């Protein structure tokens, strides 16, 4: 019986700041989504173009749809949370953030 790979979860400061500003119920929903990603890191929808390599999971919390963007790095088996927020300008802001990081 093979043992599943050890995974690590990381978060960029932008993600932590965005999460901290949300209501507690939404923060708990985000934690549940991250735990689900821990089990299946390829669950998110892969993005193309300027956001190539980024995956996004959509979920509902507090009657709104939220997006959680992350990288999954297969070799070190790491999930890096990049951002969380509502749909409005989410991809534009994420693209600007990643443009400054690369």
C-alpha atoms as a PDB file:
ATOM      1  CA  UNK A   1       0.000   0.000   0.000  1.00  0.00           C
ATOM      2  CA  UNK A   2       1.486   3.320  -1.061  1.00  0.00           C
ATOM      3  CA  UNK A   3       1.432   6.266   1.229  1.00  0.00           C
ATOM      4  CA  UNK A   4      -0.045   9.505  -0.212  1.00  0.00           C
ATOM      5  CA  UNK A   5       2.508  12.264  -0.751  1.00  0.00           C
ATOM      6  CA  UNK A   6       3.004  14.757   2.033  1.00  0.00           C
ATOM      7  CA  UNK A   7       1.561  18.090   1.012  1.00  0.00           C
ATOM      8  CA  UNK A   8       2.243  21.504   2.384  1.00  0.00           C
ATOM      9  CA  UNK A   9      -0.027  24.516   2.215  1.00  0.00           C
ATOM     10  CA  UNK A  10       1.344  28.021   1.969  1.00  0.00           C
ATOM     11  CA  UNK A  11      -0.195  31.434   1.498  1.00  0.00           C
ATOM     12  CA  UNK A  12       1.081  34.725   0.168  1.00  0.00           C
ATOM     13  CA  UNK A  13       0.555  37.855   2.310  1.00  0.00           C
ATOM     14  CA  UNK A  14      -2.089  39.137  -0.127  1.00  0.00           C
ATOM     15  CA  UNK A  15      -4.227  36.040   0.527  1.00  0.00           C
ATOM     16  CA  UNK A  16      -3.901  36.321   4.304  1.00  0.00           C
ATOM     17  CA  UNK A  17      -4.834  40.010   4.251  1.00  0.00           C
ATOM     18  CA  UNK A  18      -7.880  39.383   2.026  1.00  0.00           C
ATOM     19  CA  UNK A  19      -9.052  36.498   4.198  1.00  0.00           C
ATOM     20  CA  UNK A  20      -8.638  38.457   7.427  1.00  0.00           C
ATOM     21  CA  UNK A  21     -10.986  41.197   6.156  1.00  0.00           C
ATOM     22  CA  UNK A  22     -13.871  38.794   5.463  1.00  0.00           C
ATOM     23  CA  UNK A  23     -16.621  37.782   7.920  1.00  0.00           C
ATOM     24  CA  UNK A  24     -15.918  34.745  10.153  1.00  0.00           C
ATOM     25  CA  UNK A  25     -18.446  32.545   8.318  1.00  0.00           C
ATOM     26  CA  UNK A  26     -16.687  33.197   5.009  1.00  0.00           C
ATOM     27  CA  UNK A  27     -13.281  32.582   6.614  1.00  0.00           C
ATOM     28  CA  UNK A  28     -14.498  29.155   7.745  1.00  0.00           C
ATOM     29  CA  UNK A  29     -15.752  28.395   4.216  1.00  0.00           C
ATOM     30  CA  UNK A  30     -12.311  29.333   2.861  1.00  0.00           C
ATOM     31  CA  UNK A  31     -10.647  26.978   5.346  1.00  0.00           C
ATOM     32  CA  UNK A  32     -12.962  24.172   4.191  1.00  0.00           C
ATOM     33  CA  UNK A  33     -12.039  24.848   0.555  1.00  0.00           C
ATOM     34  CA  UNK A  34      -8.325  24.752   1.360  1.00  0.00           C
ATOM     35  CA  UNK A  35      -8.800  21.428   3.186  1.00  0.00           C
ATOM     36  CA  UNK A  36     -10.631  20.061   0.134  1.00  0.00           C
ATOM     37  CA  UNK A  37      -7.731  21.204  -2.075  1.00  0.00           C
ATOM     38  CA  UNK A  38      -5.363  19.369   0.227  1.00  0.00           C
ATOM     39  CA  UNK A  39      -7.130  16.115  -0.734  1.00  0.00           C
ATOM     40  CA  UNK A  40      -7.523  16.946  -4.450  1.00  0.00           C
ATOM     41  CA  UNK A  41      -5.155  19.753  -5.519  1.00  0.00           C
ATOM     42  CA  UNK A  42      -6.197  19.539  -9.175  1.00  0.00           C
ATOM     43  CA  UNK A  43      -9.856  20.295  -8.391  1.00  0.00           C
ATOM     44  CA  UNK A  44      -9.628  23.929  -9.452  1.00  0.00           C
ATOM     45  CA  UNK A  45     -10.158  25.202 -12.972  1.00  0.00           C
ATOM     46  CA  UNK A  46      -6.802  25.859 -14.681  1.00  0.00           C
ATOM     47  CA  UNK A  47      -6.366  29.329 -16.143  1.00  0.00           C
ATOM     48  CA  UNK A  48      -4.598  30.260 -19.374  1.00  0.00           C
ATOM     49  CA  UNK A  49      -2.860  33.320 -20.737  1.00  0.00           C
ATOM     50  CA  UNK A  50      -1.362  35.709 -18.200  1.00  0.00           C
ATOM     51  CA  UNK A  51      -2.641  33.489 -15.371  1.00  0.00           C
ATOM     52  CA  UNK A  52      -1.152  30.259 -16.732  1.00  0.00           C
ATOM     53  CA  UNK A  53      -0.377  27.846 -13.914  1.00  0.00           C
ATOM     54  CA  UNK A  54      -2.999  29.347 -11.604  1.00  0.00           C
ATOM     55  CA  UNK A  55      -6.022  27.275 -10.652  1.00  0.00           C
ATOM     56  CA  UNK A  56      -9.290  28.736  -9.321  1.00  0.00           C
ATOM     57  CA  UNK A  57     -12.022  27.174  -7.196  1.00  0.00           C
ATOM     58  CA  UNK A  58     -15.452  28.811  -7.037  1.00  0.00           C
ATOM     59  CA  UNK A  59     -17.622  28.431  -3.932  1.00  0.00           C
ATOM     60  CA  UNK A  60     -20.613  30.067  -2.289  1.00  0.00           C
ATOM     61  CA  UNK A  61     -20.544  31.582   1.172  1.00  0.00           C
ATOM     62  CA  UNK A  62     -22.879  34.111   2.760  1.00  0.00           C
ATOM     63  CA  UNK A  63     -25.063  34.273  -0.381  1.00  0.00           C
ATOM     64  CA  UNK A  64     -22.142  35.356  -2.582  1.00  0.00           C
ATOM     65  CA  UNK A  65     -19.835  33.522  -4.922  1.00  0.00           C
ATOM     66  CA  UNK A  66     -16.171  33.654  -3.965  1.00  0.00           C
ATOM     67  CA  UNK A  67     -13.074  32.665  -5.898  1.00  0.00           C
ATOM     68  CA  UNK A  68      -9.963  31.075  -4.415  1.00  0.00           C
ATOM     69  CA  UNK A  69      -6.836  31.213  -6.594  1.00  0.00           C
ATOM     70  CA  UNK A  70      -3.852  28.961  -5.950  1.00  0.00           C
ATOM     71  CA  UNK A  71      -0.774  27.335  -7.451  1.00  0.00           C
ATOM     72  CA  UNK A  72      -0.146  23.619  -7.129  1.00  0.00           C
ATOM     73  CA  UNK A  73       3.528  22.763  -7.340  1.00  0.00           C
ATOM     74  CA  UNK A  74       3.797  19.018  -7.997  1.00  0.00           C
ATOM     75  CA  UNK A  75       7.476  18.429  -7.216  1.00  0.00           C
ATOM     76  CA  UNK A  76       7.542  19.750  -3.657  1.00  0.00           C
ATOM     77  CA  UNK A  77       3.808  18.870  -3.430  1.00  0.00           C
ATOM     78  CA  UNK A  78       2.833  22.330  -2.242  1.00  0.00           C
ATOM     79  CA  UNK A  79      -0.384  24.301  -2.554  1.00  0.00           C
ATOM     80  CA  UNK A  80       0.207  28.060  -2.466  1.00  0.00           C
ATOM     81  CA  UNK A  81      -2.910  30.180  -1.928  1.00  0.00           C
ATOM     82  CA  UNK A  82      -2.706  33.397  -3.942  1.00  0.00           C
ATOM     83  CA  UNK A  83      -5.962  35.234  -3.395  1.00  0.00           C
ATOM     84  CA  UNK A  84      -9.586  35.074  -2.373  1.00  0.00           C
ATOM     85  CA  UNK A  85     -12.457  37.395  -3.160  1.00  0.00           C
ATOM     86  CA  UNK A  86     -15.661  38.024  -5.054  1.00  0.00           C
ATOM     87  CA  UNK A  87     -15.799  37.926  -8.851  1.00  0.00           C
ATOM     88  CA  UNK A  88     -15.645  41.690  -9.312  1.00  0.00           C
ATOM     89  CA  UNK A  89     -12.179  42.539 -10.728  1.00  0.00           C
ATOM     90  CA  UNK A  90     -10.735  39.367  -9.174  1.00  0.00           C
ATOM     91  CA  UNK A  91      -8.821  38.202 -12.243  1.00  0.00           C
ATOM     92  CA  UNK A  92      -7.605  41.701 -13.113  1.00  0.00           C
ATOM     93  CA  UNK A  93      -6.222  42.270  -9.615  1.00  0.00           C
ATOM     94  CA  UNK A  94      -4.669  38.797  -9.522  1.00  0.00           C
ATOM     95  CA  UNK A  95      -2.974  39.379 -12.875  1.00  0.00           C
ATOM     96  CA  UNK A  96      -1.540  42.700 -11.640  1.00  0.00           C
ATOM     97  CA  UNK A  97      -0.261  41.043  -8.461  1.00  0.00           C
ATOM     98  CA  UNK A  98       1.365  38.160 -10.307  1.00  0.00           C
ATOM     99  CA  UNK A  99       2.864  40.518 -12.879  1.00  0.00           C
ATOM    100  CA  UNK A 100       4.764  42.210 -10.081  1.00  0.00           C
ATOM    101  CA  UNK A 101       5.918  38.894  -8.591  1.00  0.00           C
ATOM    102  CA  UNK A 102       7.365  37.336 -11.741  1.00  0.00           C
END
